[in-house]
C-alpha atoms as a PDB file:
ATOM      1  CA  MET A   1      99.928  19.190 122.752  1.00  0.00           C
ATOM      2  CA  LYS A   2     103.323  20.228 121.376  1.00  0.00           C
ATOM      3  CA  ARG A   3     105.078  19.899 124.697  1.00  0.00           C
ATOM      4  CA  PHE A   4     104.234  16.173 124.758  1.00  0.00           C
ATOM      5  CA  LEU A   5     106.748  15.622 121.938  1.00  0.00           C
ATOM      6  CA  SER A   6     109.661  15.892 124.342  1.00  0.00           C
ATOM      7  CA  VAL A   7     109.280  12.366 125.683  1.00  0.00           C
ATOM      8  CA  PHE A   8     110.372  10.276 122.715  1.00  0.00           C
ATOM      9  CA  LEU A   9     112.983  12.797 121.629  1.00  0.00           C
ATOM     10  CA  ALA A  10     114.457  12.622 125.125  1.00  0.00           C
ATOM     11  CA  LEU A  11     114.326   8.835 125.116  1.00  0.00           C
ATOM     12  CA  ALA A  12     116.321   8.735 121.885  1.00  0.00           C
ATOM     13  CA  ALA A  13     119.004  10.964 123.363  1.00  0.00           C
ATOM     14  CA  ILE A  14     119.130   8.880 126.516  1.00  0.00           C
ATOM     15  CA  ALA A  15     119.139   5.625 124.571  1.00  0.00           C
ATOM     16  CA  SER A  16     122.583   6.324 123.176  1.00  0.00           C
ATOM     17  CA  LEU A  17     124.398   7.253 126.355  1.00  0.00           C
ATOM     18  CA  PRO A  18     127.996   6.183 125.674  1.00  0.00           C
ATOM     19  CA  ALA A  19     128.951   3.322 127.929  1.00  0.00           C
ATOM     20  CA  TYR A  20     130.714   0.030 127.911  1.00  0.00           C
ATOM     21  CA  ALA A  21     127.673  -2.211 127.829  1.00  0.00           C
ATOM     22  CA  THR A  22     127.460  -4.878 130.490  1.00  0.00           C
ATOM     23  CA  GLU A  23     130.862  -5.748 129.090  1.00  0.00           C
ATOM     24  CA  GLY A  24     132.569  -2.845 130.836  1.00  0.00           C
ATOM     25  CA  GLY A  25     130.307  -2.397 133.827  1.00  0.00           C
ATOM     26  CA  VAL A  26     127.718   0.111 132.622  1.00  0.00           C
ATOM     27  CA  GLY A  27     125.328  -0.653 129.779  1.00  0.00           C
ATOM     28  CA  ARG A  28     123.245   0.911 127.060  1.00  0.00           C
ATOM     29  CA  SER A  29     120.850   2.148 129.747  1.00  0.00           C
ATOM     30  CA  ILE A  30     121.881   4.406 132.626  1.00  0.00           C
ATOM     31  CA  THR A  31     119.854   4.174 135.838  1.00  0.00           C
ATOM     32  CA  GLY A  32     117.010   6.695 135.907  1.00  0.00           C
ATOM     33  CA  MET A  33     117.850   8.278 132.557  1.00  0.00           C
ATOM     34  CA  GLN A  34     115.158   6.475 130.557  1.00  0.00           C
ATOM     35  CA  ALA A  35     112.388   8.280 132.447  1.00  0.00           C
ATOM     36  CA  ALA A  36     110.784  10.927 130.234  1.00  0.00           C
ATOM     37  CA  SER A  37     107.825  13.277 130.422  1.00  0.00           C
ATOM     38  CA  TYR A  38     104.674  12.054 128.673  1.00  0.00           C
ATOM     39  CA  SER A  39     106.237   8.666 127.938  1.00  0.00           C
ATOM     40  CA  GLY A  40     102.862   7.191 126.973  1.00  0.00           C
ATOM     41  CA  LEU A  41     101.803   9.904 124.548  1.00  0.00           C
ATOM     42  CA  VAL A  42     102.335  10.672 120.845  1.00  0.00           C
ATOM     43  CA  PRO A  43     100.258  13.779 119.994  1.00  0.00           C
ATOM     44  CA  PRO A  44      98.031  13.902 116.896  1.00  0.00           C
ATOM     45  CA  THR A  45      99.683  16.901 115.198  1.00  0.00           C
ATOM     46  CA  PRO A  46     101.688  15.559 112.192  1.00  0.00           C
ATOM     47  CA  GLY A  47     105.125  16.765 111.095  1.00  0.00           C
ATOM     48  CA  TRP A  48     108.789  16.913 112.134  1.00  0.00           C
ATOM     49  CA  ASN A  49     110.019  17.844 115.601  1.00  0.00           C
ATOM     50  CA  TRP A  50     113.579  18.222 116.891  1.00  0.00           C
ATOM     51  CA  GLN A  51     115.632  18.016 120.060  1.00  0.00           C
ATOM     52  CA  LEU A  52     119.182  18.881 121.057  1.00  0.00           C
ATOM     53  CA  GLY A  53     120.530  17.120 124.147  1.00  0.00           C
ATOM     54  CA  TYR A  54     123.611  16.873 126.349  1.00  0.00           C
ATOM     55  CA  ALA A  55     124.192  14.023 128.804  1.00  0.00           C
ATOM     56  CA  TYR A  56     127.017  13.568 131.312  1.00  0.00           C
ATOM     57  CA  TYR A  57     127.948  10.540 133.379  1.00  0.00           C
ATOM     58  CA  SER A  58     130.967   9.820 135.553  1.00  0.00           C
ATOM     59  CA  GLY A  59     131.282   6.638 137.583  1.00  0.00           C
ATOM     60  CA  ASP A  60     133.656   4.011 138.866  1.00  0.00           C
ATOM     61  CA  ILE A  61     133.984   0.441 140.098  1.00  0.00           C
ATOM     62  CA  SER A  62     136.375  -0.167 143.004  1.00  0.00           C
ATOM     63  CA  GLY A  63     139.760  -1.729 142.376  1.00  0.00           C
ATOM     64  CA  SER A  64     138.752  -4.870 144.265  1.00  0.00           C
ATOM     65  CA  LYS A  65     136.397  -5.869 141.422  1.00  0.00           C
ATOM     66  CA  GLU A  66     137.597  -7.399 138.140  1.00  0.00           C
ATOM     67  CA  VAL A  67     135.742  -5.763 135.250  1.00  0.00           C
ATOM     68  CA  PRO A  68     135.425  -6.939 131.605  1.00  0.00           C
ATOM     69  CA  LEU A  69     136.462  -4.196 129.158  1.00  0.00           C
ATOM     70  CA  THR A  70     134.722  -3.342 125.904  1.00  0.00           C
ATOM     71  CA  GLY A  71     137.854  -3.657 123.797  1.00  0.00           C
ATOM     72  CA  GLY A  72     138.675  -7.018 125.356  1.00  0.00           C
ATOM     73  CA  GLY A  73     140.454  -8.191 128.511  1.00  0.00           C
ATOM     74  CA  SER A  74     139.709  -7.036 132.043  1.00  0.00           C
ATOM     75  CA  SER A  75     140.916  -4.622 134.709  1.00  0.00           C
ATOM     76  CA  LEU A  76     140.821  -4.316 138.489  1.00  0.00           C
ATOM     77  CA  GLY A  77     138.241  -1.558 138.698  1.00  0.00           C
ATOM     78  CA  ILE A  78     137.597   1.275 136.247  1.00  0.00           C
ATOM     79  CA  LYS A  79     136.821   4.976 136.251  1.00  0.00           C
ATOM     80  CA  ALA A  80     134.766   6.206 133.319  1.00  0.00           C
ATOM     81  CA  GLU A  81     133.516   9.559 132.027  1.00  0.00           C
ATOM     82  CA  PHE A  82     130.902   9.856 129.256  1.00  0.00           C
ATOM     83  CA  GLN A  83     129.697  12.995 127.498  1.00  0.00           C
ATOM     84  CA  LEU A  84     127.085  12.842 124.754  1.00  0.00           C
ATOM     85  CA  ALA A  85     125.674  15.485 122.400  1.00  0.00           C
ATOM     86  CA  THR A  86     122.653  14.436 120.362  1.00  0.00           C
ATOM     87  CA  ALA A  87     120.417  15.703 117.584  1.00  0.00           C
ATOM     88  CA  VAL A  88     117.094  13.868 117.386  1.00  0.00           C
ATOM     89  CA  GLY A  89     114.358  14.088 114.783  1.00  0.00           C
ATOM     90  CA  MET A  90     110.871  12.609 115.142  1.00  0.00           C
ATOM     91  CA  TYR A  91     108.164  12.512 112.497  1.00  0.00           C
ATOM     92  CA  ILE A  92     104.542  12.159 113.604  1.00  0.00           C
ATOM     93  CA  TRP A  93     102.476  10.374 110.998  1.00  0.00           C
ATOM     94  CA  ASN A  94      99.533  12.089 109.356  1.00  0.00           C
ATOM     95  CA  THR A  95      96.699   9.755 110.370  1.00  0.00           C
ATOM     96  CA  LYS A  96      92.951  10.026 110.669  1.00  0.00           C
ATOM     97  CA  PRO A  97      91.589  11.061 114.091  1.00  0.00           C
ATOM     98  CA  SER A  98      91.381   8.019 116.366  1.00  0.00           C
ATOM     99  CA  SER A  99      92.528   6.713 119.740  1.00  0.00           C
ATOM    100  CA  TRP A 100      95.910   5.785 118.161  1.00  0.00           C
ATOM    101  CA  ASN A 101      98.796   7.938 116.914  1.00  0.00           C
ATOM    102  CA  PHE A 102     102.095   6.864 115.361  1.00  0.00           C
ATOM    103  CA  ALA A 103     105.592   8.276 114.924  1.00  0.00           C
ATOM    104  CA  SER A 104     109.103   7.347 113.722  1.00  0.00           C
ATOM    105  CA  MET A 105     112.421   8.634 115.009  1.00  0.00           C
ATOM    106  CA  VAL A 106     116.168   8.803 114.317  1.00  0.00           C
ATOM    107  CA  GLU A 107     119.013  10.086 116.493  1.00  0.00           C
ATOM    108  CA  LEU A 108     122.540  11.275 115.628  1.00  0.00           C
ATOM    109  CA  PRO A 109     124.918  11.077 118.647  1.00  0.00           C
ATOM    110  CA  PHE A 110     128.457  12.350 119.179  1.00  0.00           C
ATOM    111  CA  ALA A 111     130.354  11.140 122.235  1.00  0.00           C
ATOM    112  CA  TYR A 112     133.425  11.647 124.370  1.00  0.00           C
ATOM    113  CA  VAL A 113     134.523   8.550 126.292  1.00  0.00           C
ATOM    114  CA  GLY A 114     137.309   8.615 128.877  1.00  0.00           C
ATOM    115  CA  VAL A 115     138.422   5.507 130.772  1.00  0.00           C
ATOM    116  CA  THR A 116     141.022   4.817 133.445  1.00  0.00           C
ATOM    117  CA  ALA A 117     141.731   1.153 134.212  1.00  0.00           C
ATOM    118  CA  ASP A 118     143.961  -0.470 136.822  1.00  0.00           C
ATOM    119  CA  LEU A 119     145.975  -3.340 135.389  1.00  0.00           C
ATOM    120  CA  ASP A 120     147.795  -6.066 137.328  1.00  0.00           C
ATOM    121  CA  LEU A 121     150.659  -7.668 135.390  1.00  0.00           C
ATOM    122  CA  GLY A 122     152.162 -10.187 137.775  1.00  0.00           C
ATOM    123  CA  GLN A 123     153.855  -8.117 140.475  1.00  0.00           C
ATOM    124  CA  LEU A 124     153.460  -4.938 138.431  1.00  0.00           C
ATOM    125  CA  HIS A 125     150.473  -2.640 138.943  1.00  0.00           C
ATOM    126  CA  ARG A 126     149.778   0.398 136.793  1.00  0.00           C
ATOM    127  CA  SER A 127     146.945   2.722 135.866  1.00  0.00           C
ATOM    128  CA  VAL A 128     146.184   3.279 132.171  1.00  0.00           C
ATOM    129  CA  HIS A 129     144.027   6.063 130.670  1.00  0.00           C
ATOM    130  CA  ASP A 130     142.465   6.266 127.228  1.00  0.00           C
ATOM    131  CA  SER A 131     139.880   8.504 125.558  1.00  0.00           C
ATOM    132  CA  ALA A 132     137.968   8.679 122.298  1.00  0.00           C
ATOM    133  CA  THR A 133     135.704  11.216 120.580  1.00  0.00           C
ATOM    134  CA  GLY A 134     133.426  10.828 117.575  1.00  0.00           C
ATOM    135  CA  LEU A 135     130.173   9.499 116.200  1.00  0.00           C
ATOM    136  CA  TYR A 136     128.488   7.113 118.627  1.00  0.00           C
ATOM    137  CA  ASP A 137     126.042   4.270 117.945  1.00  0.00           C
ATOM    138  CA  MET A 138     122.913   5.662 116.256  1.00  0.00           C
ATOM    139  CA  THR A 139     119.387   4.868 117.423  1.00  0.00           C
ATOM    140  CA  PHE A 140     116.414   4.227 115.144  1.00  0.00           C
ATOM    141  CA  VAL A 141     112.767   3.764 116.090  1.00  0.00           C
ATOM    142  CA  PRO A 142     110.766   2.559 113.064  1.00  0.00           C
ATOM    143  CA  VAL A 143     107.362   2.825 114.758  1.00  0.00           C
ATOM    144  CA  ILE A 144     106.058   4.313 117.996  1.00  0.00           C
ATOM    145  CA  ALA A 145     102.395   3.476 118.626  1.00  0.00           C
ATOM    146  CA  SER A 146     100.483   5.462 121.239  1.00  0.00           C
ATOM    147  CA  HIS A 147      96.990   4.617 122.506  1.00  0.00           C
ATOM    148  CA  HIS A 148      94.846   7.219 124.268  1.00  0.00           C
ATOM    149  CA  PHE A 149      92.516   5.650 126.820  1.00  0.00           C
ATOM    150  CA  SER A 150      91.304   9.131 127.759  1.00  0.00           C
ATOM    151  CA  GLN A 151      92.625  12.693 127.883  1.00  0.00           C
ATOM    152  CA  THR A 152      94.544  11.774 131.033  1.00  0.00           C
ATOM    153  CA  GLN A 153      95.670   8.167 130.384  1.00  0.00           C
ATOM    154  CA  HIS A 154      98.062   7.199 127.580  1.00  0.00           C
ATOM    155  CA  LEU A 155     100.127   4.119 126.664  1.00  0.00           C
ATOM    156  CA  SER A 156     102.936   3.779 124.099  1.00  0.00           C
ATOM    157  CA  LEU A 157     104.698   0.806 122.493  1.00  0.00           C
ATOM    158  CA  ALA A 158     108.028   1.109 120.669  1.00  0.00           C
ATOM    159  CA  LEU A 159     111.133  -0.791 119.602  1.00  0.00           C
ATOM    160  CA  TYR A 160     114.416   1.121 119.920  1.00  0.00           C
ATOM    161  CA  VAL A 161     117.219  -0.191 117.694  1.00  0.00           C
ATOM    162  CA  GLU A 162     120.803   0.882 118.398  1.00  0.00           C
ATOM    163  CA  ALA A 163     123.234   0.171 115.539  1.00  0.00           C
ATOM    164  CA  PRO A 164     127.046  -0.121 115.948  1.00  0.00           C
ATOM    165  CA  THR A 165     127.846   2.965 113.848  1.00  0.00           C
ATOM    166  CA  GLY A 166     130.586   4.324 116.120  1.00  0.00           C
ATOM    167  CA  ASP A 167     134.306   3.577 116.026  1.00  0.00           C
ATOM    168  CA  TYR A 168     135.485   0.357 117.676  1.00  0.00           C
ATOM    169  CA  LYS A 169     138.931  -1.205 117.916  1.00  0.00           C
ATOM    170  CA  LYS A 170     139.654  -4.442 119.731  1.00  0.00           C
ATOM    171  CA  GLY A 171     142.194  -3.928 122.505  1.00  0.00           C
ATOM    172  CA  GLN A 172     141.434  -0.208 122.757  1.00  0.00           C
ATOM    173  CA  LEU A 173     140.365   0.878 126.229  1.00  0.00           C
ATOM    174  CA  ALA A 174     137.974   3.654 125.130  1.00  0.00           C
ATOM    175  CA  ASN A 175     135.611   3.136 122.203  1.00  0.00           C
ATOM    176  CA  THR A 176     132.710   5.204 120.861  1.00  0.00           C
ATOM    177  CA  SER A 177     130.755   2.047 120.064  1.00  0.00           C
ATOM    178  CA  LEU A 178     129.497  -0.991 121.944  1.00  0.00           C
ATOM    179  CA  ASN A 179     130.244  -3.114 118.839  1.00  0.00           C
ATOM    180  CA  THR A 180     126.848  -4.804 119.212  1.00  0.00           C
ATOM    181  CA  TRP A 181     123.313  -4.250 118.035  1.00  0.00           C
ATOM    182  CA  VAL A 182     120.896  -3.487 120.878  1.00  0.00           C
ATOM    183  CA  PHE A 183     117.136  -4.039 120.591  1.00  0.00           C
ATOM    184  CA  THR A 184     114.922  -2.506 123.284  1.00  0.00           C
ATOM    185  CA  PRO A 185     111.158  -3.134 123.309  1.00  0.00           C
ATOM    186  CA  THR A 186     109.714  -0.328 125.428  1.00  0.00           C
ATOM    187  CA  VAL A 187     106.374   0.445 127.077  1.00  0.00           C
ATOM    188  CA  GLY A 188     105.519   3.931 128.316  1.00  0.00           C
ATOM    189  CA  TYR A 189     102.588   5.044 130.470  1.00  0.00           C
ATOM    190  CA  THR A 190     101.398   8.543 131.375  1.00  0.00           C
ATOM    191  CA  GLN A 191      98.761   9.551 133.938  1.00  0.00           C
ATOM    192  CA  LEU A 192      97.764  13.217 134.310  1.00  0.00           C
ATOM    193  CA  PHE A 193      96.151  14.793 137.391  1.00  0.00           C
ATOM    194  CA  ASN A 194      94.864  18.261 138.378  1.00  0.00           C
ATOM    195  CA  GLN A 195      93.815  19.269 134.846  1.00  0.00           C
ATOM    196  CA  GLY A 196      97.162  18.095 133.502  1.00  0.00           C
ATOM    197  CA  SER A 197      99.413  20.150 135.785  1.00  0.00           C
ATOM    198  CA  LEU A 198     100.604  17.061 137.714  1.00  0.00           C
ATOM    199  CA  GLU A 199     102.145  14.261 135.649  1.00  0.00           C
ATOM    200  CA  TRP A 200     103.292  10.743 136.461  1.00  0.00           C
ATOM    201  CA  SER A 201     105.093   8.873 133.683  1.00  0.00           C
ATOM    202  CA  THR A 202     106.807   5.481 133.719  1.00  0.00           C
ATOM    203  CA  THR A 203     108.958   3.728 131.124  1.00  0.00           C
ATOM    204  CA  VAL A 204     109.735  -0.013 131.129  1.00  0.00           C
ATOM    205  CA  GLY A 205     112.092  -1.767 128.717  1.00  0.00           C
ATOM    206  CA  VAL A 206     114.500  -4.654 128.218  1.00  0.00           C
ATOM    207  CA  ASP A 207     117.830  -4.341 126.374  1.00  0.00           C
ATOM    208  CA  PHE A 208     118.740  -7.346 124.211  1.00  0.00           C
ATOM    209  CA  TYR A 209     122.345  -7.369 122.935  1.00  0.00           C
ATOM    210  CA  THR A 210     123.873  -9.234 120.035  1.00  0.00           C
ATOM    211  CA  LYS A 211     127.263 -10.869 120.599  1.00  0.00           C
ATOM    212  CA  ASP A 212     130.472  -8.839 120.468  1.00  0.00           C
ATOM    213  CA  ASN A 213     132.299 -11.100 118.021  1.00  0.00           C
ATOM    214  CA  ALA A 214     135.566  -9.213 118.426  1.00  0.00           C
ATOM    215  CA  THR A 215     135.862 -10.231 122.088  1.00  0.00           C
ATOM    216  CA  ASP A 216     133.611 -13.330 122.109  1.00  0.00           C
ATOM    217  CA  TYR A 217     131.469 -11.647 124.789  1.00  0.00           C
ATOM    218  CA  GLN A 218     127.674 -11.909 124.985  1.00  0.00           C
ATOM    219  CA  ASN A 219     125.963  -9.370 127.235  1.00  0.00           C
ATOM    220  CA  GLY A 220     122.962 -10.587 129.188  1.00  0.00           C
ATOM    221  CA  SER A 221     119.603  -8.884 128.691  1.00  0.00           C
ATOM    222  CA  VAL A 222     118.946  -5.958 131.047  1.00  0.00           C
ATOM    223  CA  PHE A 223     115.583  -4.870 132.504  1.00  0.00           C
ATOM    224  CA  HIS A 224     115.052  -1.212 133.395  1.00  0.00           C
ATOM    225  CA  LEU A 225     112.160   0.682 134.966  1.00  0.00           C
ATOM    226  CA  ASP A 226     112.233   4.475 135.198  1.00  0.00           C
ATOM    227  CA  SER A 227     109.616   6.850 136.576  1.00  0.00           C
ATOM    228  CA  LEU A 228     109.081  10.561 137.196  1.00  0.00           C
ATOM    229  CA  LEU A 229     106.586  12.821 138.942  1.00  0.00           C
ATOM    230  CA  VAL A 230     106.406  16.485 137.849  1.00  0.00           C
ATOM    231  CA  GLN A 231     104.270  19.421 138.976  1.00  0.00           C
ATOM    232  CA  ARG A 232     103.970  22.187 136.363  1.00  0.00           C
ATOM    233  CA  PHE A 233     103.004  25.809 137.047  1.00  0.00           C
ATOM    234  CA  PRO A 234     101.404  28.550 134.884  1.00  0.00           C
ATOM    235  CA  SER A 235     104.740  30.409 134.838  1.00  0.00           C
ATOM    236  CA  GLY A 236     106.220  27.659 132.642  1.00  0.00           C
ATOM    237  CA  TRP A 237     108.355  26.133 135.391  1.00  0.00           C
ATOM    238  CA  GLY A 238     108.031  22.543 136.532  1.00  0.00           C
ATOM    239  CA  VAL A 239     109.680  20.669 139.413  1.00  0.00           C
ATOM    240  CA  GLY A 240     109.711  17.013 140.328  1.00  0.00           C
ATOM    241  CA  ALA A 241     111.615  13.847 141.080  1.00  0.00           C
ATOM    242  CA  VAL A 242     112.921  10.998 138.943  1.00  0.00           C
ATOM    243  CA  GLY A 243     114.151   7.507 139.786  1.00  0.00           C
ATOM    244  CA  GLY A 244     115.240   4.304 138.121  1.00  0.00           C
ATOM    245  CA  TRP A 245     115.932   0.611 138.645  1.00  0.00           C
ATOM    246  CA  ILE A 246     118.186  -1.549 136.479  1.00  0.00           C
ATOM    247  CA  ASP A 247     118.479  -5.314 136.961  1.00  0.00           C
ATOM    248  CA  GLN A 248     120.282  -7.708 134.651  1.00  0.00           C
ATOM    249  CA  ILE A 249     117.978 -10.622 133.837  1.00  0.00           C
ATOM    250  CA  ASP A 250     120.530 -13.226 132.783  1.00  0.00           C
ATOM    251  CA  LYS A 251     124.277 -13.659 132.983  1.00  0.00           C
ATOM    252  CA  ASP A 252     126.865 -12.514 130.478  1.00  0.00           C
ATOM    253  CA  THR A 253     128.453 -15.411 128.606  1.00  0.00           C
ATOM    254  CA  GLY A 254     131.821 -16.088 127.006  1.00  0.00           C
ATOM    255  CA  PRO A 255     135.240 -17.181 128.306  1.00  0.00           C
ATOM    256  CA  LEU A 256     135.839 -13.995 130.324  1.00  0.00           C
ATOM    257  CA  ALA A 257     132.231 -13.671 131.508  1.00  0.00           C
ATOM    258  CA  ASP A 258     132.202 -17.294 132.672  1.00  0.00           C
ATOM    259  CA  ARG A 259     135.349 -16.652 134.706  1.00  0.00           C
ATOM    260  CA  LEU A 260     133.603 -13.679 136.349  1.00  0.00           C
ATOM    261  CA  ASN A 261     130.494 -15.783 137.149  1.00  0.00           C
ATOM    262  CA  GLY A 262     128.327 -13.984 134.597  1.00  0.00           C
ATOM    263  CA  PHE A 263     128.968 -10.429 135.888  1.00  0.00           C
ATOM    264  CA  LYS A 264     125.262  -9.714 136.481  1.00  0.00           C
ATOM    265  CA  GLY A 265     124.653  -6.106 137.462  1.00  0.00           C
ATOM    266  CA  ARG A 266     122.008  -3.981 139.155  1.00  0.00           C
ATOM    267  CA  ALA A 267     121.531  -0.383 140.320  1.00  0.00           C
ATOM    268  CA  LEU A 268     119.015   2.099 141.728  1.00  0.00           C
ATOM    269  CA  SER A 269     118.972   5.886 141.371  1.00  0.00           C
ATOM    270  CA  PHE A 270     116.956   8.890 142.525  1.00  0.00           C
ATOM    271  CA  GLY A 271     117.148  12.644 142.097  1.00  0.00           C
ATOM    272  CA  PRO A 272     115.438  15.969 141.282  1.00  0.00           C
ATOM    273  CA  MET A 273     114.459  17.431 137.928  1.00  0.00           C
ATOM    274  CA  VAL A 274     113.358  20.873 136.737  1.00  0.00           C
ATOM    275  CA  ASN A 275     111.667  21.964 133.487  1.00  0.00           C
ATOM    276  CA  TYR A 276     110.981  25.311 131.842  1.00  0.00           C
ATOM    277  CA  LEU A 277     108.600  25.856 128.909  1.00  0.00           C
ATOM    278  CA  LYS A 278     108.761  29.003 126.750  1.00  0.00           C
ATOM    279  CA  LYS A 279     106.111  29.594 124.094  1.00  0.00           C
ATOM    280  CA  TRP A 280     105.889  32.073 121.223  1.00  0.00           C
ATOM    281  CA  GLN A 281     103.621  32.492 118.229  1.00  0.00           C
ATOM    282  CA  GLY A 282     104.195  29.472 115.997  1.00  0.00           C
ATOM    283  CA  GLY A 283     106.439  27.482 118.322  1.00  0.00           C
ATOM    284  CA  GLN A 284     107.931  26.707 121.712  1.00  0.00           C
ATOM    285  CA  VAL A 285     111.035  25.349 123.428  1.00  0.00           C
ATOM    286  CA  GLU A 286     111.158  23.251 126.591  1.00  0.00           C
ATOM    287  CA  PHE A 287     114.324  22.911 128.670  1.00  0.00           C
ATOM    288  CA  SER A 288     114.749  20.014 131.087  1.00  0.00           C
ATOM    289  CA  LEU A 289     117.504  19.273 133.612  1.00  0.00           C
ATOM    290  CA  ARG A 290     117.864  16.224 135.859  1.00  0.00           C
ATOM    291  CA  TRP A 291     120.510  14.916 138.257  1.00  0.00           C
ATOM    292  CA  LEU A 292     120.496  11.488 139.886  1.00  0.00           C
ATOM    293  CA  HIS A 293     122.493   9.639 142.523  1.00  0.00           C
ATOM    294  CA  GLU A 294     123.068   5.903 142.034  1.00  0.00           C
ATOM    295  CA  PHE A 295     123.012   3.478 144.983  1.00  0.00           C
ATOM    296  CA  ASP A 296     122.726  -0.251 145.727  1.00  0.00           C
ATOM    297  CA  VAL A 297     125.020  -0.837 142.746  1.00  0.00           C
ATOM    298  CA  LYS A 298     126.549  -4.206 141.869  1.00  0.00           C
ATOM    299  CA  ASN A 299     128.841  -5.017 138.920  1.00  0.00           C
ATOM    300  CA  ARG A 300     128.247  -1.602 137.321  1.00  0.00           C
ATOM    301  CA  THR A 301     129.936   1.765 137.565  1.00  0.00           C
ATOM    302  CA  GLN A 302     128.455   3.947 140.306  1.00  0.00           C
ATOM    303  CA  GLY A 303     128.081   7.684 139.774  1.00  0.00           C
ATOM    304  CA  ASN A 304     125.746  10.656 139.337  1.00  0.00           C
ATOM    305  CA  PRO A 305     124.219  10.886 135.841  1.00  0.00           C
ATOM    306  CA  ALA A 306     122.884  14.224 134.561  1.00  0.00           C
ATOM    307  CA  LEU A 307     120.893  15.203 131.475  1.00  0.00           C
ATOM    308  CA  LEU A 308     120.140  18.610 129.914  1.00  0.00           C
ATOM    309  CA  SER A 309     117.830  18.832 126.897  1.00  0.00           C
ATOM    310  CA  ALA A 310     116.070  21.427 124.755  1.00  0.00           C
ATOM    311  CA  THR A 311     113.064  20.358 122.684  1.00  0.00           C
ATOM    312  CA  ILE A 312     112.040  22.692 119.863  1.00  0.00           C
ATOM    313  CA  SER A 313     108.603  22.576 118.238  1.00  0.00           C
ATOM    314  CA  LEU A 314     107.769  24.884 115.324  1.00  0.00           C
END
């Protein structure tokens, strides 16, 4: 059961991917990165569990598109690079045996953000680059509730809360904070086949943003659905595919957003993933690597997100 812990730890790492929110053309959620193994399952074994993660994303919006920037103002297209290192801790509650299990989680993220924007100043056109490194917006999950329909069917309910703990300066091109609170109610489902060796897991959530008071910009809520299919082998290796769909439900609002007709975004992604599980007496570590290609993208940066994680259970 220990290997099932990786799902929520991975989700916490993914939840804090540094980006510019809808204000800036990306968002709290990156297409396909919310998918996680065993997303419906919290195991019954109580105690602390840990994960270290590294996420990378590089994308751009063409210069023909005006883009709202996180620090305020807009640019004609952007190129952005995000790198994120995370340490995640999850505590599984000590509860009586039942069809329900519960957990709580906290995540500490450190980010590098690099942005290149094209600015038009009358007849002058120039490209400006900025970067920032430091603590990013932390994620808290007060309660994760998991219901076990059977040994092969599991459902989870959780509320992810991202707090603006990173550094933010109005007018600065690159920031390590979205300068908003983000609340994400999330549902996960896991179905196991072939005595558990074949897994299908799906995660569905909606990001709700508070207003960025520094720029008078209100991001619209964003729906995301992410799914994976993985075949695991006795050797410890696992191979599969992962995909995602992001669709902004309502328009952004504010003076700049209104000028850009709400800047509603969408994107799809698909790619391979590989896992490796190593066990020893008293513990185990599971490594996971995924790479995705984004397509059918509108009003968001388009790129190839990647995620590497190591989940340690002792």
